[in-house]
PDB file of N, CA and C in Angstrom:
ATOM      1  N   MET A   1     104.906 116.836 104.472  1.00  0.00           N
ATOM      2  CA  MET A   1     104.754 115.449 104.892  1.00  0.00           C
ATOM      3  C   MET A   1     105.471 114.565 104.017  1.00  0.00           C
ATOM      4  N   ARG A   2     106.202 113.858 104.259  1.00  0.00           N
ATOM      5  CA  ARG A   2     106.790 112.618 103.476  1.00  0.00           C
ATOM      6  C   ARG A   2     106.731 111.402 104.206  1.00  0.00           C
ATOM      7  N   ARG A   3     105.778 110.365 103.732  1.00  0.00           N
ATOM      8  CA  ARG A   3     105.557 109.234 104.346  1.00  0.00           C
ATOM      9  C   ARG A   3     105.781 108.074 103.329  1.00  0.00           C
ATOM     10  N   ARG A   4     106.381 107.074 103.771  1.00  0.00           N
ATOM     11  CA  ARG A   4     106.453 105.860 102.901  1.00  0.00           C
ATOM     12  C   ARG A   4     106.030 104.608 103.766  1.00  0.00           C
ATOM     13  N   SER A   5     105.498 103.687 103.109  1.00  0.00           N
ATOM     14  CA  SER A   5     105.427 102.522 103.968  1.00  0.00           C
ATOM     15  C   SER A   5     105.456 101.351 102.927  1.00  0.00           C
ATOM     16  N   LEU A   6     105.851 100.246 103.441  1.00  0.00           N
ATOM     17  CA  LEU A   6     105.855  98.844 102.744  1.00  0.00           C
ATOM     18  C   LEU A   6     105.125  97.929 103.488  1.00  0.00           C
ATOM     19  N   ILE A   7     104.188  97.231 103.224  1.00  0.00           N
ATOM     20  CA  ILE A   7     103.397  96.130 103.941  1.00  0.00           C
ATOM     21  C   ILE A   7     103.467  94.997 102.960  1.00  0.00           C
ATOM     22  N   THR A   8     103.958  93.836 103.540  1.00  0.00           N
ATOM     23  CA  THR A   8     104.023  92.579 102.838  1.00  0.00           C
ATOM     24  C   THR A   8     103.358  91.371 103.612  1.00  0.00           C
ATOM     25  N   GLU A   9     102.873  90.498 102.889  1.00  0.00           N
ATOM     26  CA  GLU A   9     102.009  89.234 103.635  1.00  0.00           C
ATOM     27  C   GLU A   9     102.684  88.109 102.536  1.00  0.00           C
ATOM     28  N   SER A  10     103.087  87.103 103.201  1.00  0.00           N
ATOM     29  CA  SER A  10     103.533  85.862 102.647  1.00  0.00           C
ATOM     30  C   SER A  10     102.477  85.314 101.781  1.00  0.00           C
ATOM     31  N   GLY A  11     102.809  85.158 100.359  1.00  0.00           N
ATOM     32  CA  GLY A  11     101.733  84.438  99.559  1.00  0.00           C
ATOM     33  C   GLY A  11     100.716  85.348  99.182  1.00  0.00           C
ATOM     34  N   LYS A  12     100.616  86.672  99.611  1.00  0.00           N
ATOM     35  CA  LYS A  12      99.693  87.707  99.189  1.00  0.00           C
ATOM     36  C   LYS A  12     100.182  88.724  98.429  1.00  0.00           C
ATOM     37  N   GLY A  13     101.374  89.193  98.485  1.00  0.00           N
ATOM     38  CA  GLY A  13     102.088  90.270  98.030  1.00  0.00           C
ATOM     39  C   GLY A  13     102.367  91.336  98.915  1.00  0.00           C
ATOM     40  N   ALA A  14     102.556  92.613  98.299  1.00  0.00           N
ATOM     41  CA  ALA A  14     102.968  93.701  98.965  1.00  0.00           C
ATOM     42  C   ALA A  14     102.302  94.989  98.501  1.00  0.00           C
ATOM     43  N   LYS A  15     102.185  95.807  99.541  1.00  0.00           N
ATOM     44  CA  LYS A  15     101.557  97.254  99.276  1.00  0.00           C
ATOM     45  C   LYS A  15     102.603  98.270  99.658  1.00  0.00           C
ATOM     46  N   ILE A  16     102.736  99.106  98.496  1.00  0.00           N
ATOM     47  CA  ILE A  16     103.806 100.187  98.732  1.00  0.00           C
ATOM     48  C   ILE A  16     102.979 101.636  98.628  1.00  0.00           C
ATOM     49  N   GLU A  17     103.226 102.310  99.525  1.00  0.00           N
ATOM     50  CA  GLU A  17     102.680 103.664  99.516  1.00  0.00           C
ATOM     51  C   GLU A  17     103.699 104.697  99.937  1.00  0.00           C
ATOM     52  N   ALA A  18     103.455 105.816  99.050  1.00  0.00           N
ATOM     53  CA  ALA A  18     104.448 106.965  99.310  1.00  0.00           C
ATOM     54  C   ALA A  18     103.566 108.221  99.179  1.00  0.00           C
ATOM     55  N   ARG A  19     103.878 109.210  99.983  1.00  0.00           N
ATOM     56  CA  ARG A  19     103.181 110.411  99.999  1.00  0.00           C
ATOM     57  C   ARG A  19     104.148 111.467 100.133  1.00  0.00           C
ATOM     58  N   PHE A  20     103.991 112.605  99.378  1.00  0.00           N
ATOM     59  CA  PHE A  20     104.900 113.803  99.385  1.00  0.00           C
ATOM     60  C   PHE A  20     103.950 114.946  99.493  1.00  0.00           C
ATOM     61  N   ARG A  21     104.424 115.970 100.258  1.00  0.00           N
ATOM     62  CA  ARG A  21     103.642 117.228 100.173  1.00  0.00           C
ATOM     63  C   ARG A  21     103.865 117.860  98.892  1.00  0.00           C
ATOM     64  N   HIS A  22     102.929 118.533  98.267  1.00  0.00           N
ATOM     65  CA  HIS A  22     102.933 118.934  96.795  1.00  0.00           C
ATOM     66  C   HIS A  22     104.076 120.156  96.891  1.00  0.00           C
ATOM     67  N   SER A  23     103.951 120.974  97.924  1.00  0.00           N
ATOM     68  CA  SER A  23     104.703 122.228  97.825  1.00  0.00           C
ATOM     69  C   SER A  23     106.305 122.004  98.260  1.00  0.00           C
ATOM     70  N   HIS A  24     106.390 120.751  98.600  1.00  0.00           N
ATOM     71  CA  HIS A  24     107.826 120.388  99.284  1.00  0.00           C
ATOM     72  C   HIS A  24     108.997 120.560  98.233  1.00  0.00           C
ATOM     73  N   ILE A  25     110.017 121.420  98.464  1.00  0.00           N
ATOM     74  CA  ILE A  25     111.125 121.680  97.403  1.00  0.00           C
ATOM     75  C   ILE A  25     111.677 120.181  96.925  1.00  0.00           C
ATOM     76  N   ASP A  26     111.858 119.074  97.685  1.00  0.00           N
ATOM     77  CA  ASP A  26     112.392 117.929  97.325  1.00  0.00           C
ATOM     78  C   ASP A  26     111.353 117.113  96.507  1.00  0.00           C
ATOM     79  N   ARG A  27     110.111 117.369  96.258  1.00  0.00           N
ATOM     80  CA  ARG A  27     109.260 116.684  95.487  1.00  0.00           C
ATOM     81  C   ARG A  27     109.549 116.784  94.136  1.00  0.00           C
ATOM     82  N   MET A  28     109.783 115.790  93.358  1.00  0.00           N
ATOM     83  CA  MET A  28     110.246 115.799  91.984  1.00  0.00           C
ATOM     84  C   MET A  28     108.722 115.783  91.048  1.00  0.00           C
ATOM     85  N   PRO A  29     108.715 116.361  89.930  1.00  0.00           N
ATOM     86  CA  PRO A  29     107.576 116.508  89.154  1.00  0.00           C
ATOM     87  C   PRO A  29     107.248 114.938  88.797  1.00  0.00           C
ATOM     88  N   LEU A  30     105.764 114.737  88.820  1.00  0.00           N
ATOM     89  CA  LEU A  30     105.359 113.424  88.633  1.00  0.00           C
ATOM     90  C   LEU A  30     105.724 112.834  87.241  1.00  0.00           C
ATOM     91  N   GLY A  31     105.848 113.563  86.107  1.00  0.00           N
ATOM     92  CA  GLY A  31     106.177 113.239  84.925  1.00  0.00           C
ATOM     93  C   GLY A  31     105.038 112.459  84.322  1.00  0.00           C
ATOM     94  N   ASP A  32     105.345 111.604  83.244  1.00  0.00           N
ATOM     95  CA  ASP A  32     104.134 110.882  82.316  1.00  0.00           C
ATOM     96  C   ASP A  32     103.749 109.827  83.049  1.00  0.00           C
ATOM     97  N   ILE A  33     102.670 109.831  84.002  1.00  0.00           N
ATOM     98  CA  ILE A  33     102.200 108.890  84.796  1.00  0.00           C
ATOM     99  C   ILE A  33     101.431 107.872  84.058  1.00  0.00           C
ATOM    100  N   ALA A  34     100.736 108.247  82.994  1.00  0.00           N
ATOM    101  CA  ALA A  34      99.867 107.366  82.049  1.00  0.00           C
ATOM    102  C   ALA A  34     100.758 106.394  81.462  1.00  0.00           C
ATOM    103  N   SER A  35     101.950 106.913  80.854  1.00  0.00           N
ATOM    104  CA  SER A  35     102.906 105.978  80.273  1.00  0.00           C
ATOM    105  C   SER A  35     103.688 105.107  81.296  1.00  0.00           C
ATOM    106  N   THR A  36     103.981 105.529  82.310  1.00  0.00           N
ATOM    107  CA  THR A  36     104.621 104.715  83.483  1.00  0.00           C
ATOM    108  C   THR A  36     103.629 103.577  83.914  1.00  0.00           C
ATOM    109  N   TYR A  37     102.383 103.976  84.257  1.00  0.00           N
ATOM    110  CA  TYR A  37     101.447 102.966  84.704  1.00  0.00           C
ATOM    111  C   TYR A  37     101.096 102.046  83.460  1.00  0.00           C
ATOM    112  N   LEU A  38     101.039 102.340  82.350  1.00  0.00           N
ATOM    113  CA  LEU A  38     100.842 101.402  81.220  1.00  0.00           C
ATOM    114  C   LEU A  38     102.131 100.468  80.978  1.00  0.00           C
ATOM    115  N   ALA A  39     103.322 101.135  81.223  1.00  0.00           N
ATOM    116  CA  ALA A  39     104.296 100.094  81.126  1.00  0.00           C
ATOM    117  C   ALA A  39     104.312  99.090  82.211  1.00  0.00           C
ATOM    118  N   LEU A  40     103.983  99.446  83.466  1.00  0.00           N
ATOM    119  CA  LEU A  40     103.804  98.573  84.492  1.00  0.00           C
ATOM    120  C   LEU A  40     102.802  97.505  84.307  1.00  0.00           C
ATOM    121  N   LEU A  41     101.682  98.039  83.845  1.00  0.00           N
ATOM    122  CA  LEU A  41     100.534  96.910  83.378  1.00  0.00           C
ATOM    123  C   LEU A  41     100.882  95.957  82.333  1.00  0.00           C
ATOM    124  N   VAL A  42     101.641  96.416  81.509  1.00  0.00           N
ATOM    125  CA  VAL A  42     102.027  95.465  80.426  1.00  0.00           C
ATOM    126  C   VAL A  42     103.132  94.634  80.790  1.00  0.00           C
ATOM    127  N   SER A  43     104.246  95.085  81.602  1.00  0.00           N
ATOM    128  CA  SER A  43     105.245  94.185  81.639  1.00  0.00           C
ATOM    129  C   SER A  43     105.118  93.288  82.899  1.00  0.00           C
ATOM    130  N   HIS A  44     104.122  93.620  83.714  1.00  0.00           N
ATOM    131  CA  HIS A  44     103.766  92.744  84.895  1.00  0.00           C
ATOM    132  C   HIS A  44     102.347  92.481  85.067  1.00  0.00           C
ATOM    133  N   PRO A  45     101.742  91.827  84.253  1.00  0.00           N
ATOM    134  CA  PRO A  45     100.423  91.576  84.295  1.00  0.00           C
ATOM    135  C   PRO A  45      99.908  90.787  85.461  1.00  0.00           C
ATOM    136  N   GLN A  46     100.813  89.948  86.042  1.00  0.00           N
ATOM    137  CA  GLN A  46     100.378  89.141  87.125  1.00  0.00           C
ATOM    138  C   GLN A  46     100.191  89.947  88.395  1.00  0.00           C
ATOM    139  N   ILE A  47     100.567  91.282  88.348  1.00  0.00           N
ATOM    140  CA  ILE A  47     100.583  92.104  89.599  1.00  0.00           C
ATOM    141  C   ILE A  47      99.149  93.006  89.477  1.00  0.00           C
ATOM    142  N   HIS A  48      98.412  92.864  90.662  1.00  0.00           N
ATOM    143  CA  HIS A  48      97.124  93.868  90.687  1.00  0.00           C
ATOM    144  C   HIS A  48      97.650  95.192  91.010  1.00  0.00           C
ATOM    145  N   TRP A  49      97.667  96.160  89.969  1.00  0.00           N
ATOM    146  CA  TRP A  49      97.863  97.584  90.271  1.00  0.00           C
ATOM    147  C   TRP A  49      96.943  98.477  90.550  1.00  0.00           C
ATOM    148  N   VAL A  50      97.041  99.323  91.514  1.00  0.00           N
ATOM    149  CA  VAL A  50      95.991 100.293  91.950  1.00  0.00           C
ATOM    150  C   VAL A  50      96.829 101.627  92.043  1.00  0.00           C
ATOM    151  N   PHE A  51      96.406 102.526  91.301  1.00  0.00           N
ATOM    152  CA  PHE A  51      96.994 103.846  91.347  1.00  0.00           C
ATOM    153  C   PHE A  51      96.049 104.910  92.092  1.00  0.00           C
ATOM    154  N   ILE A  52      96.316 105.498  93.153  1.00  0.00           N
ATOM    155  CA  ILE A  52      95.451 106.539  93.760  1.00  0.00           C
ATOM    156  C   ILE A  52      96.170 107.810  93.979  1.00  0.00           C
ATOM    157  N   TYR A  53      95.674 108.858  93.402  1.00  0.00           N
ATOM    158  CA  TYR A  53      96.182 110.042  93.587  1.00  0.00           C
ATOM    159  C   TYR A  53      95.122 110.995  94.325  1.00  0.00           C
ATOM    160  N   GLN A  54      95.840 111.539  95.497  1.00  0.00           N
ATOM    161  CA  GLN A  54      94.940 112.274  96.421  1.00  0.00           C
ATOM    162  C   GLN A  54      95.531 113.703  96.555  1.00  0.00           C
ATOM    163  N   THR A  55      94.581 114.631  96.474  1.00  0.00           N
ATOM    164  CA  THR A  55      94.992 115.908  96.730  1.00  0.00           C
ATOM    165  C   THR A  55      94.264 116.562  97.969  1.00  0.00           C
ATOM    166  N   THR A  56      94.640 117.498  98.662  1.00  0.00           N
ATOM    167  CA  THR A  56      94.152 118.295  99.637  1.00  0.00           C
ATOM    168  C   THR A  56      94.387 119.809  99.387  1.00  0.00           C
ATOM    169  N   ASP A  57      93.170 120.530  99.419  1.00  0.00           N
ATOM    170  CA  ASP A  57      93.514 121.854  99.294  1.00  0.00           C
ATOM    171  C   ASP A  57      93.673 122.500 100.662  1.00  0.00           C
ATOM    172  N   LYS A  58      93.956 123.995 100.467  1.00  0.00           N
ATOM    173  CA  LYS A  58      94.342 124.615 101.592  1.00  0.00           C
ATOM    174  C   LYS A  58      93.386 124.671 102.859  1.00  0.00           C
ATOM    175  N   TYR A  59      92.024 124.225 102.374  1.00  0.00           N
ATOM    176  CA  TYR A  59      90.902 124.264 103.464  1.00  0.00           C
ATOM    177  C   TYR A  59      90.691 122.755 103.843  1.00  0.00           C
ATOM    178  N   GLY A  60      91.552 121.957 103.535  1.00  0.00           N
ATOM    179  CA  GLY A  60      91.327 120.633 104.010  1.00  0.00           C
ATOM    180  C   GLY A  60      90.439 119.586 103.199  1.00  0.00           C
ATOM    181  N   ASN A  61      89.929 120.218 102.119  1.00  0.00           N
ATOM    182  CA  ASN A  61      89.040 119.305 101.390  1.00  0.00           C
ATOM    183  C   ASN A  61      89.905 118.359 100.488  1.00  0.00           C
ATOM    184  N   VAL A  62      89.499 117.083 100.526  1.00  0.00           N
ATOM    185  CA  VAL A  62      90.320 115.925  99.864  1.00  0.00           C
ATOM    186  C   VAL A  62      89.629 115.440  98.593  1.00  0.00           C
ATOM    187  N   ASP A  63      90.354 115.308  97.530  1.00  0.00           N
ATOM    188  CA  ASP A  63      89.880 114.825  96.344  1.00  0.00           C
ATOM    189  C   ASP A  63      90.704 113.632  95.995  1.00  0.00           C
ATOM    190  N   ASN A  64      90.088 112.554  95.646  1.00  0.00           N
ATOM    191  CA  ASN A  64      90.783 111.299  95.221  1.00  0.00           C
ATOM    192  C   ASN A  64      90.525 110.940  93.864  1.00  0.00           C
ATOM    193  N   PHE A  65      91.522 110.354  93.170  1.00  0.00           N
ATOM    194  CA  PHE A  65      91.450 109.523  91.820  1.00  0.00           C
ATOM    195  C   PHE A  65      91.979 108.513  92.000  1.00  0.00           C
ATOM    196  N   GLU A  66      91.172 107.442  91.632  1.00  0.00           N
ATOM    197  CA  GLU A  66      91.679 105.967  91.674  1.00  0.00           C
ATOM    198  C   GLU A  66      91.562 105.223  90.478  1.00  0.00           C
ATOM    199  N   PHE A  67      92.578 104.484  90.064  1.00  0.00           N
ATOM    200  CA  PHE A  67      92.477 103.789  88.958  1.00  0.00           C
ATOM    201  C   PHE A  67      92.996 102.230  89.211  1.00  0.00           C
ATOM    202  N   ASP A  68      92.052 101.310  88.996  1.00  0.00           N
ATOM    203  CA  ASP A  68      92.388  99.863  89.346  1.00  0.00           C
ATOM    204  C   ASP A  68      92.293  99.137  88.098  1.00  0.00           C
ATOM    205  N   ASP A  69      93.358  98.321  87.935  1.00  0.00           N
ATOM    206  CA  ASP A  69      93.541  97.431  86.847  1.00  0.00           C
ATOM    207  C   ASP A  69      92.500  96.271  86.570  1.00  0.00           C
ATOM    208  N   THR A  70      91.732  95.999  87.475  1.00  0.00           N
ATOM    209  CA  THR A  70      90.820  94.906  87.296  1.00  0.00           C
ATOM    210  C   THR A  70      89.948  95.045  86.314  1.00  0.00           C
ATOM    211  N   GLU A  71      89.308  95.935  85.813  1.00  0.00           N
ATOM    212  CA  GLU A  71      88.493  96.119  84.643  1.00  0.00           C
ATOM    213  C   GLU A  71      89.241  95.825  83.523  1.00  0.00           C
ATOM    214  N   LEU A  72      90.456  96.163  83.289  1.00  0.00           N
ATOM    215  CA  LEU A  72      91.257  95.882  82.156  1.00  0.00           C
ATOM    216  C   LEU A  72      91.712  94.469  81.921  1.00  0.00           C
ATOM    217  N   LYS A  73      91.916  93.764  82.976  1.00  0.00           N
ATOM    218  CA  LYS A  73      92.094  92.482  83.010  1.00  0.00           C
ATOM    219  C   LYS A  73      90.962  91.517  82.914  1.00  0.00           C
TER     220      LYS A  73
END
């Protein structure tokens, strides 16, 4: 499953979502997510950043990790 979406609302901003199946051959390694997220936070403080990482195991169990920059700001 590879799904992307872009939702915009005038005066409110945009929501960008990308999903990639973990086992897909075209899925690139995630790399250094912490450094990437920190760079986004520091270089664009006016943007409300939310990072959500979701995994689903072979039994359909879903596990979410969410990091919202609200508490940092």
